[in-house]
Amino acid sequence: MPSYLLLLHECPADSAAISPAEMQDIIRAHQAWAERLAAEGALLGGEKLTDDGGRRLRFDGDRPVASDGPYAEAHDLVGGYYLLKAEDMAGAEALAAGCPHRHAGQWIEIREVEALG
């Protein structure tokens, strides 16, 4: 059965207006959704990513060049991910439609994981 990566995109400026109480509600909703998918055998993994934006690694020929980014001013960041299994893309979309990542203009990118071997 194929695996699908849900990349949870967020706009830092939009998320800044969320109150601590609202954030706790969002976290609880994510936990409940993930627990339900795990019980159904559809959740393979997932984590919240830190808000620092990480590092970018590009290459100048064979030489790796690391830099900060994306920056807080960026239009959107990947704030977390889920790895799911589903019969097909339509099934992955149906699972993703229940994800609580839907406040403050956030969006979900769905990518099929290519099986190696």
PDB file of N, CA and C in Angstrom:
ATOM      1  N   MET A   1       0.863  -1.177   0.000  1.00  0.00           N
ATOM      2  CA  MET A   1       0.000   0.000   0.000  1.00  0.00           C
ATOM      3  C   MET A   1       0.902   1.230   0.000  1.00  0.00           C
ATOM      4  N   PRO A   2       0.614   2.217  -0.852  1.00  0.00           N
ATOM      5  CA  PRO A   2       1.461   3.411  -0.935  1.00  0.00           C
ATOM      6  C   PRO A   2       1.451   4.244   0.360  1.00  0.00           C
ATOM      7  N   SER A   3       2.534   4.996   0.524  1.00  0.00           N
ATOM      8  CA  SER A   3       2.648   5.947   1.634  1.00  0.00           C
ATOM      9  C   SER A   3       2.530   7.363   1.079  1.00  0.00           C
ATOM     10  N   TYR A   4       1.994   8.240   1.892  1.00  0.00           N
ATOM     11  CA  TYR A   4       1.808   9.639   1.497  1.00  0.00           C
ATOM     12  C   TYR A   4       2.317  10.548   2.605  1.00  0.00           C
ATOM     13  N   LEU A   5       3.054  11.576   2.212  1.00  0.00           N
ATOM     14  CA  LEU A   5       3.574  12.561   3.141  1.00  0.00           C
ATOM     15  C   LEU A   5       2.679  13.786   3.100  1.00  0.00           C
ATOM     16  N   LEU A   6       2.143  14.154   4.243  1.00  0.00           N
ATOM     17  CA  LEU A   6       1.375  15.393   4.348  1.00  0.00           C
ATOM     18  C   LEU A   6       2.317  16.443   4.925  1.00  0.00           C
ATOM     19  N   LEU A   7       2.602  17.471   4.159  1.00  0.00           N
ATOM     20  CA  LEU A   7       3.436  18.571   4.627  1.00  0.00           C
ATOM     21  C   LEU A   7       2.505  19.695   5.070  1.00  0.00           C
ATOM     22  N   LEU A   8       2.601  20.076   6.327  1.00  0.00           N
ATOM     23  CA  LEU A   8       1.699  21.072   6.900  1.00  0.00           C
ATOM     24  C   LEU A   8       2.319  22.456   6.769  1.00  0.00           C
ATOM     25  N   HIS A   9       1.827  23.211   5.810  1.00  0.00           N
ATOM     26  CA  HIS A   9       2.335  24.560   5.560  1.00  0.00           C
ATOM     27  C   HIS A   9       1.587  25.563   6.431  1.00  0.00           C
ATOM     28  N   GLU A  10       2.317  26.570   6.878  1.00  0.00           N
ATOM     29  CA  GLU A  10       1.687  27.622   7.669  1.00  0.00           C
ATOM     30  C   GLU A  10       2.326  28.960   7.370  1.00  0.00           C
ATOM     31  N   CYS A  11       1.547  30.008   7.508  1.00  0.00           N
ATOM     32  CA  CYS A  11       2.030  31.366   7.353  1.00  0.00           C
ATOM     33  C   CYS A  11       2.324  31.904   8.751  1.00  0.00           C
ATOM     34  N   PRO A  12       3.589  32.179   9.068  1.00  0.00           N
ATOM     35  CA  PRO A  12       3.927  32.624  10.421  1.00  0.00           C
ATOM     36  C   PRO A  12       3.135  33.851  10.877  1.00  0.00           C
ATOM     37  N   ALA A  13       2.923  34.800   9.984  1.00  0.00           N
ATOM     38  CA  ALA A  13       2.193  36.007  10.369  1.00  0.00           C
ATOM     39  C   ALA A  13       0.748  35.692  10.748  1.00  0.00           C
ATOM     40  N   ASP A  14       0.122  34.765  10.027  1.00  0.00           N
ATOM     41  CA  ASP A  14      -1.260  34.394  10.325  1.00  0.00           C
ATOM     42  C   ASP A  14      -1.362  33.627  11.634  1.00  0.00           C
ATOM     43  N   SER A  15      -0.384  32.777  11.901  1.00  0.00           N
ATOM     44  CA  SER A  15      -0.407  31.962  13.115  1.00  0.00           C
ATOM     45  C   SER A  15      -0.110  32.765  14.370  1.00  0.00           C
ATOM     46  N   ALA A  16       0.525  33.920  14.217  1.00  0.00           N
ATOM     47  CA  ALA A  16       0.904  34.734  15.371  1.00  0.00           C
ATOM     48  C   ALA A  16      -0.311  35.227  16.156  1.00  0.00           C
ATOM     49  N   ALA A  17      -1.469  35.323  15.520  1.00  0.00           N
ATOM     50  CA  ALA A  17      -2.676  35.839  16.176  1.00  0.00           C
ATOM     51  C   ALA A  17      -3.410  34.779  17.001  1.00  0.00           C
ATOM     52  N   ILE A  18      -2.938  33.533  16.980  1.00  0.00           N
ATOM     53  CA  ILE A  18      -3.615  32.459  17.705  1.00  0.00           C
ATOM     54  C   ILE A  18      -3.280  32.556  19.191  1.00  0.00           C
ATOM     55  N   SER A  19      -4.292  32.566  20.023  1.00  0.00           N
ATOM     56  CA  SER A  19      -4.092  32.666  21.467  1.00  0.00           C
ATOM     57  C   SER A  19      -3.531  31.354  22.020  1.00  0.00           C
ATOM     58  N   PRO A  20      -2.907  31.383  23.202  1.00  0.00           N
ATOM     59  CA  PRO A  20      -2.421  30.139  23.813  1.00  0.00           C
ATOM     60  C   PRO A  20      -3.537  29.098  24.015  1.00  0.00           C
ATOM     61  N   ALA A  21      -4.719  29.547  24.403  1.00  0.00           N
ATOM     62  CA  ALA A  21      -5.838  28.612  24.594  1.00  0.00           C
ATOM     63  C   ALA A  21      -6.243  27.984  23.263  1.00  0.00           C
ATOM     64  N   GLU A  22      -6.306  28.797  22.204  1.00  0.00           N
ATOM     65  CA  GLU A  22      -6.632  28.264  20.884  1.00  0.00           C
ATOM     66  C   GLU A  22      -5.557  27.276  20.426  1.00  0.00           C
ATOM     67  N   MET A  23      -4.295  27.585  20.711  1.00  0.00           N
ATOM     68  CA  MET A  23      -3.199  26.691  20.327  1.00  0.00           C
ATOM     69  C   MET A  23      -3.332  25.347  21.036  1.00  0.00           C
ATOM     70  N   GLN A  24      -3.704  25.363  22.301  1.00  0.00           N
ATOM     71  CA  GLN A  24      -3.902  24.110  23.026  1.00  0.00           C
ATOM     72  C   GLN A  24      -5.042  23.298  22.424  1.00  0.00           C
ATOM     73  N   ASP A  25      -6.103  23.968  22.000  1.00  0.00           N
ATOM     74  CA  ASP A  25      -7.212  23.277  21.332  1.00  0.00           C
ATOM     75  C   ASP A  25      -6.749  22.635  20.019  1.00  0.00           C
ATOM     76  N   ILE A  26      -5.914  23.348  19.272  1.00  0.00           N
ATOM     77  CA  ILE A  26      -5.388  22.840  18.006  1.00  0.00           C
ATOM     78  C   ILE A  26      -4.509  21.615  18.259  1.00  0.00           C
ATOM     79  N   ILE A  27      -3.659  21.688  19.271  1.00  0.00           N
ATOM     80  CA  ILE A  27      -2.777  20.568  19.608  1.00  0.00           C
ATOM     81  C   ILE A  27      -3.603  19.343  19.989  1.00  0.00           C
ATOM     82  N   ARG A  28      -4.622  19.553  20.815  1.00  0.00           N
ATOM     83  CA  ARG A  28      -5.491  18.433  21.209  1.00  0.00           C
ATOM     84  C   ARG A  28      -6.199  17.831  19.993  1.00  0.00           C
ATOM     85  N   ALA A  29      -6.626  18.674  19.073  1.00  0.00           N
ATOM     86  CA  ALA A  29      -7.298  18.179  17.865  1.00  0.00           C
ATOM     87  C   ALA A  29      -6.334  17.342  17.021  1.00  0.00           C
ATOM     88  N   HIS A  30      -5.084  17.792  16.898  1.00  0.00           N
ATOM     89  CA  HIS A  30      -4.087  17.019  16.160  1.00  0.00           C
ATOM     90  C   HIS A  30      -3.832  15.681  16.844  1.00  0.00           C
ATOM     91  N   GLN A  31      -3.712  15.695  18.149  1.00  0.00           N
ATOM     92  CA  GLN A  31      -3.468  14.451  18.888  1.00  0.00           C
ATOM     93  C   GLN A  31      -4.616  13.466  18.691  1.00  0.00           C
ATOM     94  N   ALA A  32      -5.837  13.935  18.786  1.00  0.00           N
ATOM     95  CA  ALA A  32      -7.012  13.070  18.623  1.00  0.00           C
ATOM     96  C   ALA A  32      -7.068  12.507  17.203  1.00  0.00           C
ATOM     97  N   TRP A  33      -6.811  13.357  16.208  1.00  0.00           N
ATOM     98  CA  TRP A  33      -6.840  12.914  14.816  1.00  0.00           C
ATOM     99  C   TRP A  33      -5.767  11.863  14.579  1.00  0.00           C
ATOM    100  N   ALA A  34      -4.548  12.105  15.068  1.00  0.00           N
ATOM    101  CA  ALA A  34      -3.445  11.161  14.888  1.00  0.00           C
ATOM    102  C   ALA A  34      -3.723   9.839  15.612  1.00  0.00           C
ATOM    103  N   GLU A  35      -4.289   9.907  16.795  1.00  0.00           N
ATOM    104  CA  GLU A  35      -4.618   8.688  17.538  1.00  0.00           C
ATOM    105  C   GLU A  35      -5.657   7.858  16.791  1.00  0.00           C
ATOM    106  N   ARG A  36      -6.641   8.518  16.194  1.00  0.00           N
ATOM    107  CA  ARG A  36      -7.670   7.809  15.423  1.00  0.00           C
ATOM    108  C   ARG A  36      -7.047   7.123  14.212  1.00  0.00           C
ATOM    109  N   LEU A  37      -6.183   7.847  13.475  1.00  0.00           N
ATOM    110  CA  LEU A  37      -5.548   7.250  12.304  1.00  0.00           C
ATOM    111  C   LEU A  37      -4.615   6.104  12.697  1.00  0.00           C
ATOM    112  N   ALA A  38      -3.919   6.250  13.815  1.00  0.00           N
ATOM    113  CA  ALA A  38      -3.041   5.177  14.291  1.00  0.00           C
ATOM    114  C   ALA A  38      -3.864   3.931  14.616  1.00  0.00           C
ATOM    115  N   ALA A  39      -5.010   4.114  15.262  1.00  0.00           N
ATOM    116  CA  ALA A  39      -5.878   2.981  15.596  1.00  0.00           C
ATOM    117  C   ALA A  39      -6.398   2.297  14.340  1.00  0.00           C
ATOM    118  N   GLU A  40      -6.574   3.053  13.261  1.00  0.00           N
ATOM    119  CA  GLU A  40      -7.044   2.497  11.986  1.00  0.00           C
ATOM    120  C   GLU A  40      -5.904   1.894  11.169  1.00  0.00           C
ATOM    121  N   GLY A  41      -4.657   2.075  11.627  1.00  0.00           N
ATOM    122  CA  GLY A  41      -3.502   1.563  10.904  1.00  0.00           C
ATOM    123  C   GLY A  41      -3.053   2.429   9.748  1.00  0.00           C
ATOM    124  N   ALA A  42      -3.533   3.649   9.670  1.00  0.00           N
ATOM    125  CA  ALA A  42      -3.194   4.533   8.555  1.00  0.00           C
ATOM    126  C   ALA A  42      -2.050   5.492   8.864  1.00  0.00           C
ATOM    127  N   LEU A  43      -1.718   5.690  10.136  1.00  0.00           N
ATOM    128  CA  LEU A  43      -0.669   6.635  10.510  1.00  0.00           C
ATOM    129  C   LEU A  43       0.656   5.895  10.657  1.00  0.00           C
ATOM    130  N   LEU A  44       1.654   6.309   9.887  1.00  0.00           N
ATOM    131  CA  LEU A  44       2.987   5.719   9.971  1.00  0.00           C
ATOM    132  C   LEU A  44       3.925   6.574  10.807  1.00  0.00           C
ATOM    133  N   GLY A  45       3.625   7.867  10.942  1.00  0.00           N
ATOM    134  CA  GLY A  45       4.466   8.767  11.731  1.00  0.00           C
ATOM    135  C   GLY A  45       4.057  10.202  11.525  1.00  0.00           C
ATOM    136  N   GLY A  46       4.723  11.077  12.241  1.00  0.00           N
ATOM    137  CA  GLY A  46       4.472  12.500  12.102  1.00  0.00           C
ATOM    138  C   GLY A  46       5.035  13.255  13.281  1.00  0.00           C
ATOM    139  N   GLU A  47       5.399  14.492  13.047  1.00  0.00           N
ATOM    140  CA  GLU A  47       5.964  15.341  14.098  1.00  0.00           C
ATOM    141  C   GLU A  47       5.699  16.804  13.787  1.00  0.00           C
ATOM    142  N   LYS A  48       5.678  17.606  14.821  1.00  0.00           N
ATOM    143  CA  LYS A  48       5.676  19.065  14.699  1.00  0.00           C
ATOM    144  C   LYS A  48       7.128  19.470  14.509  1.00  0.00           C
ATOM    145  N   LEU A  49       7.407  20.362  13.601  1.00  0.00           N
ATOM    146  CA  LEU A  49       8.756  20.869  13.400  1.00  0.00           C
ATOM    147  C   LEU A  49       8.933  22.154  14.204  1.00  0.00           C
ATOM    148  N   THR A  50      10.167  22.461  14.568  1.00  0.00           N
ATOM    149  CA  THR A  50      10.427  23.691  15.312  1.00  0.00           C
ATOM    150  C   THR A  50      10.115  24.893  14.431  1.00  0.00           C
ATOM    151  N   ASP A  51       9.898  26.017  15.050  1.00  0.00           N
ATOM    152  CA  ASP A  51       9.531  27.236  14.325  1.00  0.00           C
ATOM    153  C   ASP A  51      10.733  28.023  13.817  1.00  0.00           C
ATOM    154  N   ASP A  52      11.960  27.499  13.996  1.00  0.00           N
ATOM    155  CA  ASP A  52      13.138  28.281  13.626  1.00  0.00           C
ATOM    156  C   ASP A  52      13.416  28.318  12.128  1.00  0.00           C
ATOM    157  N   GLY A  53      12.753  27.505  11.342  1.00  0.00           N
ATOM    158  CA  GLY A  53      12.951  27.536   9.899  1.00  0.00           C
ATOM    159  C   GLY A  53      14.060  26.639   9.400  1.00  0.00           C
ATOM    160  N   GLY A  54      14.896  26.126  10.295  1.00  0.00           N
ATOM    161  CA  GLY A  54      15.931  25.175   9.909  1.00  0.00           C
ATOM    162  C   GLY A  54      17.049  25.786   9.092  1.00  0.00           C
ATOM    163  N   ARG A  55      17.698  24.943   8.312  1.00  0.00           N
ATOM    164  CA  ARG A  55      18.818  25.346   7.465  1.00  0.00           C
ATOM    165  C   ARG A  55      18.546  24.858   6.044  1.00  0.00           C
ATOM    166  N   ARG A  56      19.070  25.595   5.094  1.00  0.00           N
ATOM    167  CA  ARG A  56      18.991  25.191   3.691  1.00  0.00           C
ATOM    168  C   ARG A  56      20.367  24.717   3.266  1.00  0.00           C
ATOM    169  N   LEU A  57      20.406  23.633   2.544  1.00  0.00           N
ATOM    170  CA  LEU A  57      21.660  23.110   2.033  1.00  0.00           C
ATOM    171  C   LEU A  57      21.582  23.112   0.519  1.00  0.00           C
ATOM    172  N   ARG A  58      22.419  23.924  -0.082  1.00  0.00           N
ATOM    173  CA  ARG A  58      22.512  24.000  -1.544  1.00  0.00           C
ATOM    174  C   ARG A  58      23.922  23.564  -1.922  1.00  0.00           C
ATOM    175  N   PHE A  59      24.141  23.395  -3.204  1.00  0.00           N
ATOM    176  CA  PHE A  59      25.448  22.933  -3.647  1.00  0.00           C
ATOM    177  C   PHE A  59      26.031  23.881  -4.680  1.00  0.00           C
ATOM    178  N   ASP A  60      27.301  24.203  -4.480  1.00  0.00           N
ATOM    179  CA  ASP A  60      28.093  24.955  -5.436  1.00  0.00           C
ATOM    180  C   ASP A  60      29.047  23.925  -6.040  1.00  0.00           C
ATOM    181  N   GLY A  61      28.630  23.315  -7.156  1.00  0.00           N
ATOM    182  CA  GLY A  61      29.357  22.164  -7.674  1.00  0.00           C
ATOM    183  C   GLY A  61      29.195  21.012  -6.698  1.00  0.00           C
ATOM    184  N   ASP A  62      30.288  20.513  -6.169  1.00  0.00           N
ATOM    185  CA  ASP A  62      30.249  19.442  -5.178  1.00  0.00           C
ATOM    186  C   ASP A  62      30.307  19.973  -3.755  1.00  0.00           C
ATOM    187  N   ARG A  63      30.468  21.277  -3.598  1.00  0.00           N
ATOM    188  CA  ARG A  63      30.637  21.865  -2.271  1.00  0.00           C
ATOM    189  C   ARG A  63      29.283  22.251  -1.685  1.00  0.00           C
ATOM    190  N   PRO A  64      28.922  21.651  -0.511  1.00  0.00           N
ATOM    191  CA  PRO A  64      27.662  22.043   0.137  1.00  0.00           C
ATOM    192  C   PRO A  64      27.784  23.423   0.775  1.00  0.00           C
ATOM    193  N   VAL A  65      26.736  24.226   0.635  1.00  0.00           N
ATOM    194  CA  VAL A  65      26.688  25.564   1.222  1.00  0.00           C
ATOM    195  C   VAL A  65      25.412  25.648   2.057  1.00  0.00           C
ATOM    196  N   ALA A  66      25.570  25.768   3.384  1.00  0.00           N
ATOM    197  CA  ALA A  66      24.424  25.842   4.295  1.00  0.00           C
ATOM    198  C   ALA A  66      24.127  27.289   4.639  1.00  0.00           C
ATOM    199  N   SER A  67      22.838  27.587   4.782  1.00  0.00           N
ATOM    200  CA  SER A  67      22.424  28.931   5.189  1.00  0.00           C
ATOM    201  C   SER A  67      21.148  28.832   6.005  1.00  0.00           C
ATOM    202  N   ASP A  68      20.855  29.892   6.754  1.00  0.00           N
ATOM    203  CA  ASP A  68      19.604  29.948   7.497  1.00  0.00           C
ATOM    204  C   ASP A  68      18.454  30.050   6.520  1.00  0.00           C
ATOM    205  N   GLY A  69      17.300  29.580   6.968  1.00  0.00           N
ATOM    206  CA  GLY A  69      16.131  29.778   6.145  1.00  0.00           C
ATOM    207  C   GLY A  69      15.205  28.584   6.194  1.00  0.00           C
ATOM    208  N   PRO A  70      13.999  28.728   5.779  1.00  0.00           N
ATOM    209  CA  PRO A  70      13.433  30.017   5.395  1.00  0.00           C
ATOM    210  C   PRO A  70      13.295  30.941   6.598  1.00  0.00           C
ATOM    211  N   TYR A  71      13.241  32.186   6.340  1.00  0.00           N
ATOM    212  CA  TYR A  71      13.207  33.184   7.410  1.00  0.00           C
ATOM    213  C   TYR A  71      11.794  33.416   7.897  1.00  0.00           C
ATOM    214  N   ALA A  72      11.678  34.042   9.067  1.00  0.00           N
ATOM    215  CA  ALA A  72      10.363  34.310   9.657  1.00  0.00           C
ATOM    216  C   ALA A  72       9.496  35.154   8.727  1.00  0.00           C
ATOM    217  N   GLU A  73      10.124  35.933   7.855  1.00  0.00           N
ATOM    218  CA  GLU A  73       9.353  36.765   6.927  1.00  0.00           C
ATOM    219  C   GLU A  73       8.820  35.950   5.748  1.00  0.00           C
ATOM    220  N   ALA A  74       9.226  34.692   5.664  1.00  0.00           N
ATOM    221  CA  ALA A  74       8.810  33.860   4.536  1.00  0.00           C
ATOM    222  C   ALA A  74       7.293  33.763   4.479  1.00  0.00           C
ATOM    223  N   HIS A  75       6.794  33.610   3.269  1.00  0.00           N
ATOM    224  CA  HIS A  75       5.345  33.529   3.078  1.00  0.00           C
ATOM    225  C   HIS A  75       4.773  32.308   3.787  1.00  0.00           C
ATOM    226  N   ASP A  76       5.458  31.169   3.693  1.00  0.00           N
ATOM    227  CA  ASP A  76       4.994  30.013   4.447  1.00  0.00           C
ATOM    228  C   ASP A  76       6.165  29.114   4.806  1.00  0.00           C
ATOM    229  N   LEU A  77       5.979  28.338   5.849  1.00  0.00           N
ATOM    230  CA  LEU A  77       6.955  27.382   6.349  1.00  0.00           C
ATOM    231  C   LEU A  77       6.281  26.024   6.454  1.00  0.00           C
ATOM    232  N   VAL A  78       7.066  24.965   6.450  1.00  0.00           N
ATOM    233  CA  VAL A  78       6.534  23.645   6.767  1.00  0.00           C
ATOM    234  C   VAL A  78       6.636  23.509   8.275  1.00  0.00           C
ATOM    235  N   GLY A  79       5.487  23.442   8.934  1.00  0.00           N
ATOM    236  CA  GLY A  79       5.448  23.414  10.391  1.00  0.00           C
ATOM    237  C   GLY A  79       5.383  22.014  10.979  1.00  0.00           C
ATOM    238  N   GLY A  80       5.154  21.021  10.130  1.00  0.00           N
ATOM    239  CA  GLY A  80       5.081  19.644  10.604  1.00  0.00           C
ATOM    240  C   GLY A  80       4.719  18.726   9.462  1.00  0.00           C
ATOM    241  N   TYR A  81       4.636  17.441   9.784  1.00  0.00           N
ATOM    242  CA  TYR A  81       4.298  16.471   8.752  1.00  0.00           C
ATOM    243  C   TYR A  81       3.623  15.260   9.372  1.00  0.00           C
ATOM    244  N   TYR A  82       2.909  14.553   8.538  1.00  0.00           N
ATOM    245  CA  TYR A  82       2.362  13.238   8.869  1.00  0.00           C
ATOM    246  C   TYR A  82       2.735  12.312   7.725  1.00  0.00           C
ATOM    247  N   LEU A  83       3.007  11.064   8.045  1.00  0.00           N
ATOM    248  CA  LEU A  83       3.235  10.035   7.041  1.00  0.00           C
ATOM    249  C   LEU A  83       2.106   9.025   7.185  1.00  0.00           C
ATOM    250  N   LEU A  84       1.334   8.868   6.107  1.00  0.00           N
ATOM    251  CA  LEU A  84       0.154   8.012   6.119  1.00  0.00           C
ATOM    252  C   LEU A  84       0.276   6.916   5.077  1.00  0.00           C
ATOM    253  N   LYS A  85      -0.512   5.877   5.235  1.00  0.00           N
ATOM    254  CA  LYS A  85      -0.661   4.915   4.151  1.00  0.00           C
ATOM    255  C   LYS A  85      -2.119   4.926   3.724  1.00  0.00           C
ATOM    256  N   ALA A  86      -2.292   4.837   2.411  1.00  0.00           N
ATOM    257  CA  ALA A  86      -3.636   4.872   1.830  1.00  0.00           C
ATOM    258  C   ALA A  86      -3.599   4.090   0.526  1.00  0.00           C
ATOM    259  N   GLU A  87      -4.748   3.665   0.071  1.00  0.00           N
ATOM    260  CA  GLU A  87      -4.850   2.886  -1.164  1.00  0.00           C
ATOM    261  C   GLU A  87      -4.359   3.670  -2.384  1.00  0.00           C
ATOM    262  N   ASP A  88      -4.665   4.988  -2.414  1.00  0.00           N
ATOM    263  CA  ASP A  88      -4.319   5.822  -3.556  1.00  0.00           C
ATOM    264  C   ASP A  88      -4.390   7.290  -3.133  1.00  0.00           C
ATOM    265  N   MET A  89      -4.128   8.180  -4.075  1.00  0.00           N
ATOM    266  CA  MET A  89      -4.134   9.610  -3.763  1.00  0.00           C
ATOM    267  C   MET A  89      -5.508  10.055  -3.265  1.00  0.00           C
ATOM    268  N   ALA A  90      -6.574   9.534  -3.831  1.00  0.00           N
ATOM    269  CA  ALA A  90      -7.922   9.906  -3.370  1.00  0.00           C
ATOM    270  C   ALA A  90      -8.107   9.511  -1.908  1.00  0.00           C
ATOM    271  N   GLY A  91      -7.598   8.342  -1.523  1.00  0.00           N
ATOM    272  CA  GLY A  91      -7.676   7.917  -0.134  1.00  0.00           C
ATOM    273  C   GLY A  91      -6.848   8.804   0.774  1.00  0.00           C
ATOM    274  N   ALA A  92      -5.665   9.210   0.295  1.00  0.00           N
ATOM    275  CA  ALA A  92      -4.818  10.118   1.078  1.00  0.00           C
ATOM    276  C   ALA A  92      -5.503  11.473   1.244  1.00  0.00           C
ATOM    277  N   GLU A  93      -6.142  11.958   0.187  1.00  0.00           N
ATOM    278  CA  GLU A  93      -6.871  13.231   0.273  1.00  0.00           C
ATOM    279  C   GLU A  93      -8.020  13.123   1.273  1.00  0.00           C
ATOM    280  N   ALA A  94      -8.702  11.999   1.273  1.00  0.00           N
ATOM    281  CA  ALA A  94      -9.812  11.818   2.212  1.00  0.00           C
ATOM    282  C   ALA A  94      -9.299  11.827   3.651  1.00  0.00           C
ATOM    283  N   LEU A  95      -8.174  11.176   3.906  1.00  0.00           N
ATOM    284  CA  LEU A  95      -7.598  11.196   5.256  1.00  0.00           C
ATOM    285  C   LEU A  95      -7.146  12.611   5.616  1.00  0.00           C
ATOM    286  N   ALA A  96      -6.481  13.288   4.682  1.00  0.00           N
ATOM    287  CA  ALA A  96      -5.980  14.636   4.934  1.00  0.00           C
ATOM    288  C   ALA A  96      -7.112  15.632   5.185  1.00  0.00           C
ATOM    289  N   ALA A  97      -8.268  15.386   4.584  1.00  0.00           N
ATOM    290  CA  ALA A  97      -9.401  16.300   4.764  1.00  0.00           C
ATOM    291  C   ALA A  97      -9.843  16.367   6.218  1.00  0.00           C
ATOM    292  N   GLY A  98      -9.567  15.326   6.994  1.00  0.00           N
ATOM    293  CA  GLY A  98      -9.925  15.336   8.411  1.00  0.00           C
ATOM    294  C   GLY A  98      -8.869  15.953   9.310  1.00  0.00           C
ATOM    295  N   CYS A  99      -7.727  16.306   8.735  1.00  0.00           N
ATOM    296  CA  CYS A  99      -6.636  16.871   9.534  1.00  0.00           C
ATOM    297  C   CYS A  99      -7.040  18.241  10.080  1.00  0.00           C
ATOM    298  N   PRO A 100      -6.762  18.503  11.361  1.00  0.00           N
ATOM    299  CA  PRO A 100      -7.144  19.794  11.945  1.00  0.00           C
ATOM    300  C   PRO A 100      -6.274  20.970  11.515  1.00  0.00           C
ATOM    301  N   HIS A 101      -5.375  20.772  10.584  1.00  0.00           N
ATOM    302  CA  HIS A 101      -4.490  21.841  10.112  1.00  0.00           C
ATOM    303  C   HIS A 101      -5.239  22.702   9.097  1.00  0.00           C
ATOM    304  N   ARG A 102      -6.147  23.523   9.596  1.00  0.00           N
ATOM    305  CA  ARG A 102      -7.009  24.285   8.685  1.00  0.00           C
ATOM    306  C   ARG A 102      -7.323  25.685   9.180  1.00  0.00           C
ATOM    307  N   HIS A 103      -6.573  26.172  10.126  1.00  0.00           N
ATOM    308  CA  HIS A 103      -6.832  27.511  10.667  1.00  0.00           C
ATOM    309  C   HIS A 103      -5.846  28.518  10.086  1.00  0.00           C
ATOM    310  N   ALA A 104      -6.203  29.758  10.097  1.00  0.00           N
ATOM    311  CA  ALA A 104      -5.342  30.886   9.725  1.00  0.00           C
ATOM    312  C   ALA A 104      -4.674  30.712   8.359  1.00  0.00           C
ATOM    313  N   GLY A 105      -5.417  30.262   7.359  1.00  0.00           N
ATOM    314  CA  GLY A 105      -4.898  30.190   6.002  1.00  0.00           C
ATOM    315  C   GLY A 105      -3.854  29.104   5.775  1.00  0.00           C
ATOM    316  N   GLN A 106      -3.771  28.126   6.646  1.00  0.00           N
ATOM    317  CA  GLN A 106      -2.794  27.061   6.475  1.00  0.00           C
ATOM    318  C   GLN A 106      -3.253  26.088   5.405  1.00  0.00           C
ATOM    319  N   TRP A 107      -2.315  25.307   4.865  1.00  0.00           N
ATOM    320  CA  TRP A 107      -2.667  24.360   3.827  1.00  0.00           C
ATOM    321  C   TRP A 107      -1.785  23.124   3.926  1.00  0.00           C
ATOM    322  N   ILE A 108      -2.232  22.058   3.276  1.00  0.00           N
ATOM    323  CA  ILE A 108      -1.552  20.766   3.328  1.00  0.00           C
ATOM    324  C   ILE A 108      -1.122  20.364   1.920  1.00  0.00           C
ATOM    325  N   GLU A 109       0.137  20.017   1.795  1.00  0.00           N
ATOM    326  CA  GLU A 109       0.665  19.472   0.547  1.00  0.00           C
ATOM    327  C   GLU A 109       0.719  17.947   0.713  1.00  0.00           C
ATOM    328  N   ILE A 110       0.211  17.216  -0.249  1.00  0.00           N
ATOM    329  CA  ILE A 110       0.204  15.757  -0.195  1.00  0.00           C
ATOM    330  C   ILE A 110       1.147  15.231  -1.271  1.00  0.00           C
ATOM    331  N   ARG A 111       2.113  14.422  -0.848  1.00  0.00           N
ATOM    332  CA  ARG A 111       3.077  13.851  -1.786  1.00  0.00           C
ATOM    333  C   ARG A 111       3.142  12.349  -1.605  1.00  0.00           C
ATOM    334  N   GLU A 112       3.070  11.610  -2.709  1.00  0.00           N
ATOM    335  CA  GLU A 112       3.232  10.167  -2.618  1.00  0.00           C
ATOM    336  C   GLU A 112       4.717   9.851  -2.441  1.00  0.00           C
ATOM    337  N   VAL A 113       5.013   8.928  -1.548  1.00  0.00           N
ATOM    338  CA  VAL A 113       6.385   8.493  -1.304  1.00  0.00           C
ATOM    339  C   VAL A 113       6.697   7.385  -2.306  1.00  0.00           C
ATOM    340  N   GLU A 114       7.749   7.573  -3.075  1.00  0.00           N
ATOM    341  CA  GLU A 114       8.119   6.573  -4.062  1.00  0.00           C
ATOM    342  C   GLU A 114       8.805   5.405  -3.381  1.00  0.00           C
ATOM    343  N   ALA A 115       8.277   4.232  -3.603  1.00  0.00           N
ATOM    344  CA  ALA A 115       8.837   3.019  -2.997  1.00  0.00           C
ATOM    345  C   ALA A 115      10.172   2.694  -3.660  1.00  0.00           C
ATOM    346  N   LEU A 116      11.168   2.423  -2.851  1.00  0.00           N
ATOM    347  CA  LEU A 116      12.477   2.050  -3.380  1.00  0.00           C
ATOM    348  C   LEU A 116      12.556   0.549  -3.533  1.00  0.00           C
ATOM    349  N   GLY A 117      13.274   0.132  -4.512  1.00  0.00           N
ATOM    350  CA  GLY A 117      13.513  -1.295  -4.678  1.00  0.00           C
ATOM    351  C   GLY A 117      12.656  -1.886  -5.655  1.00  0.00           C
TER     352      GLY A 117
END
